[in-house]
Amino acid sequence: LEGYGITYVEPLEALRKVGDPRALYIAGDEHPTAKANRVVA
């Protein structure tokens, strides 16, 4: 993607800045919460 000049957004560091990652994923599940979706957006 970068080779084609397409912006790739890596959300890892933005998610890490939130603090407790348990607030970002549904308990017992791998799906992101609304808060995680806001951070990525």
PDB file of all heavy atoms in Angstrom:
ATOM      1  N   LEU A   1       0.828  -1.203   0.000  1.00  0.00           N
ATOM      2  CA  LEU A   1       0.000   0.000   0.000  1.00  0.00           C
ATOM      3  C   LEU A   1       0.863   1.255   0.000  1.00  0.00           C
ATOM      4  O   LEU A   1       0.592   2.196  -0.746  1.00  0.00           O
ATOM      5  CB  LEU A   1      -0.932   0.006   1.218  1.00  0.00           C
ATOM      6  CG  LEU A   1      -2.023  -1.055   1.237  1.00  0.00           C
ATOM      7  CD1 LEU A   1      -2.778  -1.020   2.566  1.00  0.00           C
ATOM      8  CD2 LEU A   1      -2.984  -0.878   0.082  1.00  0.00           C
ATOM      9  N   GLU A   2       1.885   1.255   0.851  1.00  0.00           N
ATOM     10  CA  GLU A   2       2.780   2.405   0.897  1.00  0.00           C
ATOM     11  C   GLU A   2       3.459   2.619  -0.450  1.00  0.00           C
ATOM     12  O   GLU A   2       3.664   3.756  -0.872  1.00  0.00           O
ATOM     13  CB  GLU A   2       3.824   2.207   1.995  1.00  0.00           C
ATOM     14  CG  GLU A   2       3.237   2.298   3.379  1.00  0.00           C
ATOM     15  CD  GLU A   2       4.213   1.862   4.472  1.00  0.00           C
ATOM     16  OE1 GLU A   2       5.371   1.497   4.166  1.00  0.00           O
ATOM     17  OE2 GLU A   2       3.798   1.872   5.649  1.00  0.00           O
ATOM     18  N   GLY A   3       3.796   1.525  -1.132  1.00  0.00           N
ATOM     19  CA  GLY A   3       4.416   1.622  -2.453  1.00  0.00           C
ATOM     20  C   GLY A   3       3.519   2.294  -3.480  1.00  0.00           C
ATOM     21  O   GLY A   3       4.000   2.930  -4.418  1.00  0.00           O
ATOM     22  N   TYR A   4       2.222   2.155  -3.312  1.00  0.00           N
ATOM     23  CA  TYR A   4       1.261   2.813  -4.206  1.00  0.00           C
ATOM     24  C   TYR A   4       0.878   4.207  -3.717  1.00  0.00           C
ATOM     25  O   TYR A   4       0.011   4.862  -4.289  1.00  0.00           O
ATOM     26  CB  TYR A   4      -0.008   1.966  -4.330  1.00  0.00           C
ATOM     27  CG  TYR A   4       0.150   0.768  -5.229  1.00  0.00           C
ATOM     28  CD1 TYR A   4       0.237  -0.511  -4.692  1.00  0.00           C
ATOM     29  CD2 TYR A   4       0.217   0.904  -6.606  1.00  0.00           C
ATOM     30  CE1 TYR A   4       0.384  -1.628  -5.503  1.00  0.00           C
ATOM     31  CE2 TYR A   4       0.359  -0.190  -7.431  1.00  0.00           C
ATOM     32  CZ  TYR A   4       0.448  -1.453  -6.871  1.00  0.00           C
ATOM     33  OH  TYR A   4       0.600  -2.547  -7.692  1.00  0.00           O
ATOM     34  N   GLY A   5       1.488   4.637  -2.626  1.00  0.00           N
ATOM     35  CA  GLY A   5       1.176   5.962  -2.096  1.00  0.00           C
ATOM     36  C   GLY A   5      -0.126   6.012  -1.324  1.00  0.00           C
ATOM     37  O   GLY A   5      -0.696   7.079  -1.121  1.00  0.00           O
ATOM     38  N   ILE A   6      -0.609   4.865  -0.900  1.00  0.00           N
ATOM     39  CA  ILE A   6      -1.856   4.786  -0.139  1.00  0.00           C
ATOM     40  C   ILE A   6      -1.536   4.893   1.346  1.00  0.00           C
ATOM     41  O   ILE A   6      -0.666   4.197   1.852  1.00  0.00           O
ATOM     42  CB  ILE A   6      -2.593   3.462  -0.438  1.00  0.00           C
ATOM     43  CG1 ILE A   6      -2.964   3.407  -1.920  1.00  0.00           C
ATOM     44  CG2 ILE A   6      -3.816   3.311   0.455  1.00  0.00           C
ATOM     45  CD1 ILE A   6      -3.476   2.067  -2.376  1.00  0.00           C
ATOM     46  N   THR A   7      -2.227   5.759   2.031  1.00  0.00           N
ATOM     47  CA  THR A   7      -2.006   5.933   3.460  1.00  0.00           C
ATOM     48  C   THR A   7      -2.527   4.728   4.216  1.00  0.00           C
ATOM     49  O   THR A   7      -3.686   4.354   4.068  1.00  0.00           O
ATOM     50  CB  THR A   7      -2.719   7.205   3.972  1.00  0.00           C
ATOM     51  OG1 THR A   7      -2.227   8.322   3.252  1.00  0.00           O
ATOM     52  CG2 THR A   7      -2.500   7.404   5.453  1.00  0.00           C
ATOM     53  N   TYR A   8      -1.641   4.122   4.983  1.00  0.00           N
ATOM     54  CA  TYR A   8      -2.014   3.003   5.848  1.00  0.00           C
ATOM     55  C   TYR A   8      -1.981   3.516   7.279  1.00  0.00           C
ATOM     56  O   TYR A   8      -0.979   4.085   7.715  1.00  0.00           O
ATOM     57  CB  TYR A   8      -1.047   1.832   5.681  1.00  0.00           C
ATOM     58  CG  TYR A   8      -1.334   0.709   6.646  1.00  0.00           C
ATOM     59  CD1 TYR A   8      -2.331  -0.207   6.377  1.00  0.00           C
ATOM     60  CD2 TYR A   8      -0.631   0.593   7.835  1.00  0.00           C
ATOM     61  CE1 TYR A   8      -2.621  -1.222   7.268  1.00  0.00           C
ATOM     62  CE2 TYR A   8      -0.919  -0.423   8.732  1.00  0.00           C
ATOM     63  CZ  TYR A   8      -1.905  -1.321   8.443  1.00  0.00           C
ATOM     64  OH  TYR A   8      -2.202  -2.319   9.327  1.00  0.00           O
ATOM     65  N   VAL A   9      -3.073   3.364   7.985  1.00  0.00           N
ATOM     66  CA  VAL A   9      -3.151   3.835   9.365  1.00  0.00           C
ATOM     67  C   VAL A   9      -2.978   2.643  10.294  1.00  0.00           C
ATOM     68  O   VAL A   9      -3.762   1.696  10.260  1.00  0.00           O
ATOM     69  CB  VAL A   9      -4.501   4.538   9.650  1.00  0.00           C
ATOM     70  CG1 VAL A   9      -4.586   4.964  11.099  1.00  0.00           C
ATOM     71  CG2 VAL A   9      -4.668   5.728   8.721  1.00  0.00           C
ATOM     72  N   GLU A  10      -1.938   2.702  11.096  1.00  0.00           N
ATOM     73  CA  GLU A  10      -1.657   1.661  12.075  1.00  0.00           C
ATOM     74  C   GLU A  10      -2.193   2.124  13.437  1.00  0.00           C
ATOM     75  O   GLU A  10      -1.687   3.097  13.997  1.00  0.00           O
ATOM     76  CB  GLU A  10      -0.141   1.423  12.160  1.00  0.00           C
ATOM     77  CG  GLU A  10       0.252   0.436  13.220  1.00  0.00           C
ATOM     78  CD  GLU A  10      -0.508  -0.864  13.089  1.00  0.00           C
ATOM     79  OE1 GLU A  10      -0.265  -1.597  12.123  1.00  0.00           O
ATOM     80  OE2 GLU A  10      -1.364  -1.135  13.960  1.00  0.00           O
ATOM     81  N   PRO A  11      -3.215   1.467  13.967  1.00  0.00           N
ATOM     82  CA  PRO A  11      -3.838   1.940  15.194  1.00  0.00           C
ATOM     83  C   PRO A  11      -3.170   1.472  16.492  1.00  0.00           C
ATOM     84  O   PRO A  11      -3.597   1.860  17.573  1.00  0.00           O
ATOM     85  CB  PRO A  11      -5.256   1.364  15.102  1.00  0.00           C
ATOM     86  CG  PRO A  11      -5.075   0.081  14.362  1.00  0.00           C
ATOM     87  CD  PRO A  11      -3.970   0.364  13.367  1.00  0.00           C
ATOM     88  N   LEU A  12      -2.122   0.674  16.407  1.00  0.00           N
ATOM     89  CA  LEU A  12      -1.546   0.059  17.605  1.00  0.00           C
ATOM     90  C   LEU A  12      -1.143   1.087  18.665  1.00  0.00           C
ATOM     91  O   LEU A  12      -1.554   0.977  19.820  1.00  0.00           O
ATOM     92  CB  LEU A  12      -0.341  -0.803  17.230  1.00  0.00           C
ATOM     93  CG  LEU A  12       0.340  -1.525  18.390  1.00  0.00           C
ATOM     94  CD1 LEU A  12      -0.620  -2.493  19.072  1.00  0.00           C
ATOM     95  CD2 LEU A  12       1.574  -2.254  17.911  1.00  0.00           C
ATOM     96  N   GLU A  13      -0.368   2.076  18.295  1.00  0.00           N
ATOM     97  CA  GLU A  13       0.095   3.046  19.294  1.00  0.00           C
ATOM     98  C   GLU A  13      -1.060   3.884  19.843  1.00  0.00           C
ATOM     99  O   GLU A  13      -1.076   4.209  21.032  1.00  0.00           O
ATOM    100  CB  GLU A  13       1.194   3.933  18.722  1.00  0.00           C
ATOM    101  CG  GLU A  13       2.493   3.187  18.492  1.00  0.00           C
ATOM    102  CD  GLU A  13       3.004   2.412  19.715  1.00  0.00           C
ATOM    103  OE1 GLU A  13       2.957   2.940  20.841  1.00  0.00           O
ATOM    104  OE2 GLU A  13       3.448   1.267  19.526  1.00  0.00           O
ATOM    105  N   ALA A  14      -2.019   4.215  19.011  1.00  0.00           N
ATOM    106  CA  ALA A  14      -3.190   4.961  19.492  1.00  0.00           C
ATOM    107  C   ALA A  14      -3.954   4.138  20.519  1.00  0.00           C
ATOM    108  O   ALA A  14      -4.401   4.663  21.541  1.00  0.00           O
ATOM    109  CB  ALA A  14      -4.097   5.340  18.322  1.00  0.00           C
ATOM    110  N   LEU A  15      -4.088   2.843  20.271  1.00  0.00           N
ATOM    111  CA  LEU A  15      -4.777   1.974  21.223  1.00  0.00           C
ATOM    112  C   LEU A  15      -3.975   1.830  22.514  1.00  0.00           C
ATOM    113  O   LEU A  15      -4.545   1.816  23.609  1.00  0.00           O
ATOM    114  CB  LEU A  15      -5.031   0.600  20.600  1.00  0.00           C
ATOM    115  CG  LEU A  15      -6.052   0.580  19.462  1.00  0.00           C
ATOM    116  CD1 LEU A  15      -5.986  -0.744  18.707  1.00  0.00           C
ATOM    117  CD2 LEU A  15      -7.451   0.830  19.981  1.00  0.00           C
ATOM    118  N   ARG A  16      -2.664   1.765  22.412  1.00  0.00           N
ATOM    119  CA  ARG A  16      -1.821   1.645  23.611  1.00  0.00           C
ATOM    120  C   ARG A  16      -1.891   2.883  24.489  1.00  0.00           C
ATOM    121  O   ARG A  16      -1.734   2.795  25.699  1.00  0.00           O
ATOM    122  CB  ARG A  16      -0.376   1.367  23.210  1.00  0.00           C
ATOM    123  CG  ARG A  16      -0.162  -0.057  22.786  1.00  0.00           C
ATOM    124  CD  ARG A  16       1.274  -0.332  22.443  1.00  0.00           C
ATOM    125  NE  ARG A  16       1.470  -1.762  22.199  1.00  0.00           N
ATOM    126  CZ  ARG A  16       2.517  -2.269  21.579  1.00  0.00           C
ATOM    127  NH1 ARG A  16       3.477  -1.469  21.137  1.00  0.00           N
ATOM    128  NH2 ARG A  16       2.606  -3.569  21.399  1.00  0.00           N
ATOM    129  N   LYS A  17      -2.117   4.033  23.902  1.00  0.00           N
ATOM    130  CA  LYS A  17      -2.171   5.285  24.669  1.00  0.00           C
ATOM    131  C   LYS A  17      -3.402   5.380  25.559  1.00  0.00           C
ATOM    132  O   LYS A  17      -3.441   6.196  26.470  1.00  0.00           O
ATOM    133  CB  LYS A  17      -2.130   6.486  23.729  1.00  0.00           C
ATOM    134  CG  LYS A  17      -0.776   6.693  23.095  1.00  0.00           C
ATOM    135  CD  LYS A  17      -0.809   7.879  22.164  1.00  0.00           C
ATOM    136  CE  LYS A  17       0.525   8.029  21.447  1.00  0.00           C
ATOM    137  NZ  LYS A  17       0.496   9.129  20.485  1.00  0.00           N
ATOM    138  N   VAL A  18      -4.406   4.560  25.295  1.00  0.00           N
ATOM    139  CA  VAL A  18      -5.655   4.620  26.049  1.00  0.00           C
ATOM    140  C   VAL A  18      -5.446   4.255  27.512  1.00  0.00           C
ATOM    141  O   VAL A  18      -6.109   4.772  28.397  1.00  0.00           O
ATOM    142  CB  VAL A  18      -6.717   3.706  25.402  1.00  0.00           C
ATOM    143  CG1 VAL A  18      -7.926   3.528  26.288  1.00  0.00           C
ATOM    144  CG2 VAL A  18      -7.131   4.274  24.068  1.00  0.00           C
ATOM    145  N   GLY A  19      -4.520   3.378  27.777  1.00  0.00           N
ATOM    146  CA  GLY A  19      -4.303   2.913  29.146  1.00  0.00           C
ATOM    147  C   GLY A  19      -4.639   1.443  29.242  1.00  0.00           C
ATOM    148  O   GLY A  19      -3.985   0.618  28.626  1.00  0.00           O
ATOM    149  N   ASP A  20      -5.677   1.124  29.968  1.00  0.00           N
ATOM    150  CA  ASP A  20      -6.061  -0.270  30.191  1.00  0.00           C
ATOM    151  C   ASP A  20      -6.664  -0.858  28.922  1.00  0.00           C
ATOM    152  O   ASP A  20      -7.764  -0.487  28.523  1.00  0.00           O
ATOM    153  CB  ASP A  20      -7.062  -0.350  31.330  1.00  0.00           C
ATOM    154  CG  ASP A  20      -7.420  -1.774  31.711  1.00  0.00           C
ATOM    155  OD1 ASP A  20      -6.904  -2.723  31.078  1.00  0.00           O
ATOM    156  OD2 ASP A  20      -8.214  -1.936  32.642  1.00  0.00           O
ATOM    157  N   PRO A  21      -5.964  -1.808  28.281  1.00  0.00           N
ATOM    158  CA  PRO A  21      -6.483  -2.381  27.042  1.00  0.00           C
ATOM    159  C   PRO A  21      -7.757  -3.191  27.228  1.00  0.00           C
ATOM    160  O   PRO A  21      -8.482  -3.420  26.278  1.00  0.00           O
ATOM    161  CB  PRO A  21      -5.343  -3.258  26.522  1.00  0.00           C
ATOM    162  CG  PRO A  21      -4.417  -3.439  27.641  1.00  0.00           C
ATOM    163  CD  PRO A  21      -4.647  -2.330  28.608  1.00  0.00           C
ATOM    164  N   ARG A  22      -8.063  -3.565  28.467  1.00  0.00           N
ATOM    165  CA  ARG A  22      -9.314  -4.315  28.691  1.00  0.00           C
ATOM    166  C   ARG A  22     -10.540  -3.459  28.395  1.00  0.00           C
ATOM    167  O   ARG A  22     -11.618  -3.985  28.146  1.00  0.00           O
ATOM    168  CB  ARG A  22      -9.355  -4.852  30.123  1.00  0.00           C
ATOM    169  CG  ARG A  22      -8.315  -5.947  30.356  1.00  0.00           C
ATOM    170  CD  ARG A  22      -8.293  -6.376  31.776  1.00  0.00           C
ATOM    171  NE  ARG A  22      -7.833  -5.232  32.577  1.00  0.00           N
ATOM    172  CZ  ARG A  22      -7.684  -5.243  33.881  1.00  0.00           C
ATOM    173  NH1 ARG A  22      -7.961  -6.317  34.574  1.00  0.00           N
ATOM    174  NH2 ARG A  22      -7.256  -4.179  34.526  1.00  0.00           N
ATOM    175  N   ALA A  23     -10.361  -2.140  28.391  1.00  0.00           N
ATOM    176  CA  ALA A  23     -11.469  -1.242  28.050  1.00  0.00           C
ATOM    177  C   ALA A  23     -11.724  -1.209  26.548  1.00  0.00           C
ATOM    178  O   ALA A  23     -12.719  -0.647  26.104  1.00  0.00           O
ATOM    179  CB  ALA A  23     -11.170   0.166  28.557  1.00  0.00           C
ATOM    180  N   LEU A  24     -10.833  -1.828  25.791  1.00  0.00           N
ATOM    181  CA  LEU A  24     -10.918  -1.758  24.337  1.00  0.00           C
ATOM    182  C   LEU A  24     -11.492  -3.006  23.687  1.00  0.00           C
ATOM    183  O   LEU A  24     -11.766  -3.014  22.501  1.00  0.00           O
ATOM    184  CB  LEU A  24      -9.528  -1.491  23.759  1.00  0.00           C
ATOM    185  CG  LEU A  24      -8.860  -0.204  24.235  1.00  0.00           C
ATOM    186  CD1 LEU A  24      -7.425  -0.157  23.750  1.00  0.00           C
ATOM    187  CD2 LEU A  24      -9.641   1.001  23.769  1.00  0.00           C
ATOM    188  N   TYR A  25     -11.620  -4.075  24.458  1.00  0.00           N
ATOM    189  CA  TYR A  25     -12.089  -5.355  23.909  1.00  0.00           C
ATOM    190  C   TYR A  25     -13.187  -5.924  24.795  1.00  0.00           C
ATOM    191  O   TYR A  25     -13.126  -5.813  26.018  1.00  0.00           O
ATOM    192  CB  TYR A  25     -10.928  -6.351  23.798  1.00  0.00           C
ATOM    193  CG  TYR A  25      -9.888  -5.892  22.809  1.00  0.00           C
ATOM    194  CD1 TYR A  25      -8.861  -5.040  23.193  1.00  0.00           C
ATOM    195  CD2 TYR A  25      -9.966  -6.267  21.472  1.00  0.00           C
ATOM    196  CE1 TYR A  25      -7.926  -4.592  22.273  1.00  0.00           C
ATOM    197  CE2 TYR A  25      -9.032  -5.818  20.551  1.00  0.00           C
ATOM    198  CZ  TYR A  25      -8.020  -4.973  20.965  1.00  0.00           C
ATOM    199  OH  TYR A  25      -7.096  -4.523  20.051  1.00  0.00           O
ATOM    200  N   ILE A  26     -14.169  -6.538  24.183  1.00  0.00           N
ATOM    201  CA  ILE A  26     -15.267  -7.155  24.920  1.00  0.00           C
ATOM    202  C   ILE A  26     -14.701  -8.305  25.735  1.00  0.00           C
ATOM    203  O   ILE A  26     -13.953  -9.132  25.216  1.00  0.00           O
ATOM    204  CB  ILE A  26     -16.361  -7.633  23.947  1.00  0.00           C
ATOM    205  CG1 ILE A  26     -16.933  -6.425  23.189  1.00  0.00           C
ATOM    206  CG2 ILE A  26     -17.443  -8.397  24.682  1.00  0.00           C
ATOM    207  CD1 ILE A  26     -17.843  -6.788  22.033  1.00  0.00           C
ATOM    208  N   ALA A  27     -15.043  -8.359  27.014  1.00  0.00           N
ATOM    209  CA  ALA A  27     -14.524  -9.397  27.909  1.00  0.00           C
ATOM    210  C   ALA A  27     -14.866 -10.784  27.383  1.00  0.00           C
ATOM    211  O   ALA A  27     -16.005 -11.053  26.995  1.00  0.00           O
ATOM    212  CB  ALA A  27     -15.098  -9.212  29.312  1.00  0.00           C
ATOM    213  N   GLY A  28     -13.856 -11.655  27.332  1.00  0.00           N
ATOM    214  CA  GLY A  28     -14.058 -13.014  26.855  1.00  0.00           C
ATOM    215  C   GLY A  28     -14.237 -13.116  25.357  1.00  0.00           C
ATOM    216  O   GLY A  28     -14.635 -14.150  24.838  1.00  0.00           O
ATOM    217  N   ASP A  29     -13.934 -12.039  24.650  1.00  0.00           N
ATOM    218  CA  ASP A  29     -14.143 -11.976  23.218  1.00  0.00           C
ATOM    219  C   ASP A  29     -12.964 -11.211  22.613  1.00  0.00           C
ATOM    220  O   ASP A  29     -12.259 -10.504  23.309  1.00  0.00           O
ATOM    221  CB  ASP A  29     -15.452 -11.228  22.935  1.00  0.00           C
ATOM    222  CG  ASP A  29     -15.970 -11.413  21.531  1.00  0.00           C
ATOM    223  OD1 ASP A  29     -15.204 -11.823  20.654  1.00  0.00           O
ATOM    224  OD2 ASP A  29     -17.155 -11.117  21.309  1.00  0.00           O
ATOM    225  N   GLU A  30     -12.765 -11.329  21.340  1.00  0.00           N
ATOM    226  CA  GLU A  30     -11.686 -10.596  20.695  1.00  0.00           C
ATOM    227  C   GLU A  30     -12.178  -9.352  19.965  1.00  0.00           C
ATOM    228  O   GLU A  30     -11.389  -8.663  19.328  1.00  0.00           O
ATOM    229  CB  GLU A  30     -10.948 -11.503  19.705  1.00  0.00           C
ATOM    230  CG  GLU A  30     -10.224 -12.633  20.378  1.00  0.00           C
ATOM    231  CD  GLU A  30      -9.447 -13.488  19.394  1.00  0.00           C
ATOM    232  OE1 GLU A  30      -9.271 -13.081  18.235  1.00  0.00           O
ATOM    233  OE2 GLU A  30      -9.013 -14.562  19.801  1.00  0.00           O
ATOM    234  N   HIS A  31     -13.460  -9.073  20.060  1.00  0.00           N
ATOM    235  CA  HIS A  31     -14.016  -7.950  19.320  1.00  0.00           C
ATOM    236  C   HIS A  31     -13.796  -6.633  20.062  1.00  0.00           C
ATOM    237  O   HIS A  31     -13.874  -6.582  21.284  1.00  0.00           O
ATOM    238  CB  HIS A  31     -15.507  -8.173  19.075  1.00  0.00           C
ATOM    239  CG  HIS A  31     -15.752  -9.260  18.097  1.00  0.00           C
ATOM    240  ND1 HIS A  31     -15.889 -10.573  18.473  1.00  0.00           N
ATOM    241  CD2 HIS A  31     -15.851  -9.235  16.745  1.00  0.00           C
ATOM    242  CE1 HIS A  31     -16.078 -11.316  17.397  1.00  0.00           C
ATOM    243  NE2 HIS A  31     -16.053 -10.533  16.339  1.00  0.00           N
ATOM    244  N   PRO A  32     -13.534  -5.555  19.313  1.00  0.00           N
ATOM    245  CA  PRO A  32     -13.313  -4.256  19.935  1.00  0.00           C
ATOM    246  C   PRO A  32     -14.614  -3.667  20.474  1.00  0.00           C
ATOM    247  O   PRO A  32     -15.699  -3.941  19.972  1.00  0.00           O
ATOM    248  CB  PRO A  32     -12.762  -3.398  18.796  1.00  0.00           C
ATOM    249  CG  PRO A  32     -13.235  -4.062  17.551  1.00  0.00           C
ATOM    250  CD  PRO A  32     -13.351  -5.518  17.861  1.00  0.00           C
ATOM    251  N   THR A  33     -14.453  -2.830  21.493  1.00  0.00           N
ATOM    252  CA  THR A  33     -15.590  -2.114  22.070  1.00  0.00           C
ATOM    253  C   THR A  33     -15.829  -0.832  21.273  1.00  0.00           C
ATOM    254  O   THR A  33     -15.034  -0.462  20.402  1.00  0.00           O
ATOM    255  CB  THR A  33     -15.304  -1.734  23.534  1.00  0.00           C
ATOM    256  OG1 THR A  33     -14.152  -0.869  23.548  1.00  0.00           O
ATOM    257  CG2 THR A  33     -15.074  -2.950  24.410  1.00  0.00           C
ATOM    258  N   ALA A  34     -16.887  -0.127  21.615  1.00  0.00           N
ATOM    259  CA  ALA A  34     -17.173   1.163  20.983  1.00  0.00           C
ATOM    260  C   ALA A  34     -16.020   2.129  21.229  1.00  0.00           C
ATOM    261  O   ALA A  34     -15.655   2.915  20.353  1.00  0.00           O
ATOM    262  CB  ALA A  34     -18.483   1.730  21.516  1.00  0.00           C
ATOM    263  N   LYS A  35     -15.428   2.069  22.423  1.00  0.00           N
ATOM    264  CA  LYS A  35     -14.299   2.944  22.742  1.00  0.00           C
ATOM    265  C   LYS A  35     -13.133   2.683  21.795  1.00  0.00           C
ATOM    266  O   LYS A  35     -12.508   3.619  21.289  1.00  0.00           O
ATOM    267  CB  LYS A  35     -13.862   2.733  24.184  1.00  0.00           C
ATOM    268  CG  LYS A  35     -12.750   3.650  24.622  1.00  0.00           C
ATOM    269  CD  LYS A  35     -12.460   3.497  26.099  1.00  0.00           C
ATOM    270  CE  LYS A  35     -11.448   4.537  26.539  1.00  0.00           C
ATOM    271  NZ  LYS A  35     -11.268   4.544  27.985  1.00  0.00           N
ATOM    272  N   ALA A  36     -12.819   1.421  21.535  1.00  0.00           N
ATOM    273  CA  ALA A  36     -11.737   1.081  20.608  1.00  0.00           C
ATOM    274  C   ALA A  36     -12.049   1.604  19.213  1.00  0.00           C
ATOM    275  O   ALA A  36     -11.169   2.145  18.531  1.00  0.00           O
ATOM    276  CB  ALA A  36     -11.519  -0.425  20.567  1.00  0.00           C
ATOM    277  N   ASN A  37     -13.288   1.463  18.794  1.00  0.00           N
ATOM    278  CA  ASN A  37     -13.670   1.960  17.471  1.00  0.00           C
ATOM    279  C   ASN A  37     -13.513   3.473  17.376  1.00  0.00           C
ATOM    280  O   ASN A  37     -13.100   3.988  16.341  1.00  0.00           O
ATOM    281  CB  ASN A  37     -15.104   1.545  17.137  1.00  0.00           C
ATOM    282  CG  ASN A  37     -15.201   0.082  16.796  1.00  0.00           C
ATOM    283  OD1 ASN A  37     -14.323  -0.467  16.149  1.00  0.00           O
ATOM    284  ND2 ASN A  37     -16.261  -0.559  17.236  1.00  0.00           N
ATOM    285  N   ARG A  38     -13.822   4.197  18.460  1.00  0.00           N
ATOM    286  CA  ARG A  38     -13.631   5.648  18.466  1.00  0.00           C
ATOM    287  C   ARG A  38     -12.150   6.004  18.352  1.00  0.00           C
ATOM    288  O   ARG A  38     -11.773   6.922  17.622  1.00  0.00           O
ATOM    289  CB  ARG A  38     -14.234   6.278  19.721  1.00  0.00           C
ATOM    290  CG  ARG A  38     -15.735   6.492  19.636  1.00  0.00           C
ATOM    291  CD  ARG A  38     -16.255   7.362  20.761  1.00  0.00           C
ATOM    292  NE  ARG A  38     -15.992   6.798  22.075  1.00  0.00           N
ATOM    293  CZ  ARG A  38     -16.754   5.881  22.678  1.00  0.00           C
ATOM    294  NH1 ARG A  38     -17.848   5.432  22.083  1.00  0.00           N
ATOM    295  NH2 ARG A  38     -16.448   5.435  23.872  1.00  0.00           N
ATOM    296  N   VAL A  39     -11.297   5.278  19.097  1.00  0.00           N
ATOM    297  CA  VAL A  39      -9.852   5.525  19.053  1.00  0.00           C
ATOM    298  C   VAL A  39      -9.328   5.313  17.636  1.00  0.00           C
ATOM    299  O   VAL A  39      -8.571   6.139  17.110  1.00  0.00           O
ATOM    300  CB  VAL A  39      -9.111   4.618  20.058  1.00  0.00           C
ATOM    301  CG1 VAL A  39      -7.608   4.673  19.850  1.00  0.00           C
ATOM    302  CG2 VAL A  39      -9.469   4.991  21.489  1.00  0.00           C
ATOM    303  N   VAL A  40      -9.725   4.223  17.011  1.00  0.00           N
ATOM    304  CA  VAL A  40      -9.268   3.923  15.651  1.00  0.00           C
ATOM    305  C   VAL A  40      -9.831   4.947  14.665  1.00  0.00           C
ATOM    306  O   VAL A  40      -9.117   5.429  13.780  1.00  0.00           O
ATOM    307  CB  VAL A  40      -9.630   2.480  15.248  1.00  0.00           C
ATOM    308  CG1 VAL A  40      -9.344   2.228  13.778  1.00  0.00           C
ATOM    309  CG2 VAL A  40      -8.859   1.492  16.120  1.00  0.00           C
ATOM    310  N   ALA A  41     -11.088   5.321  14.824  1.00  0.00           N
ATOM    311  CA  ALA A  41     -11.684   6.324  13.927  1.00  0.00           C
ATOM    312  C   ALA A  41     -10.950   7.655  14.043  1.00  0.00           C
ATOM    313  O   ALA A  41     -10.697   8.317  13.031  1.00  0.00           O
ATOM    314  CB  ALA A  41     -13.164   6.498  14.251  1.00  0.00           C
TER     315      ALA A  41
END
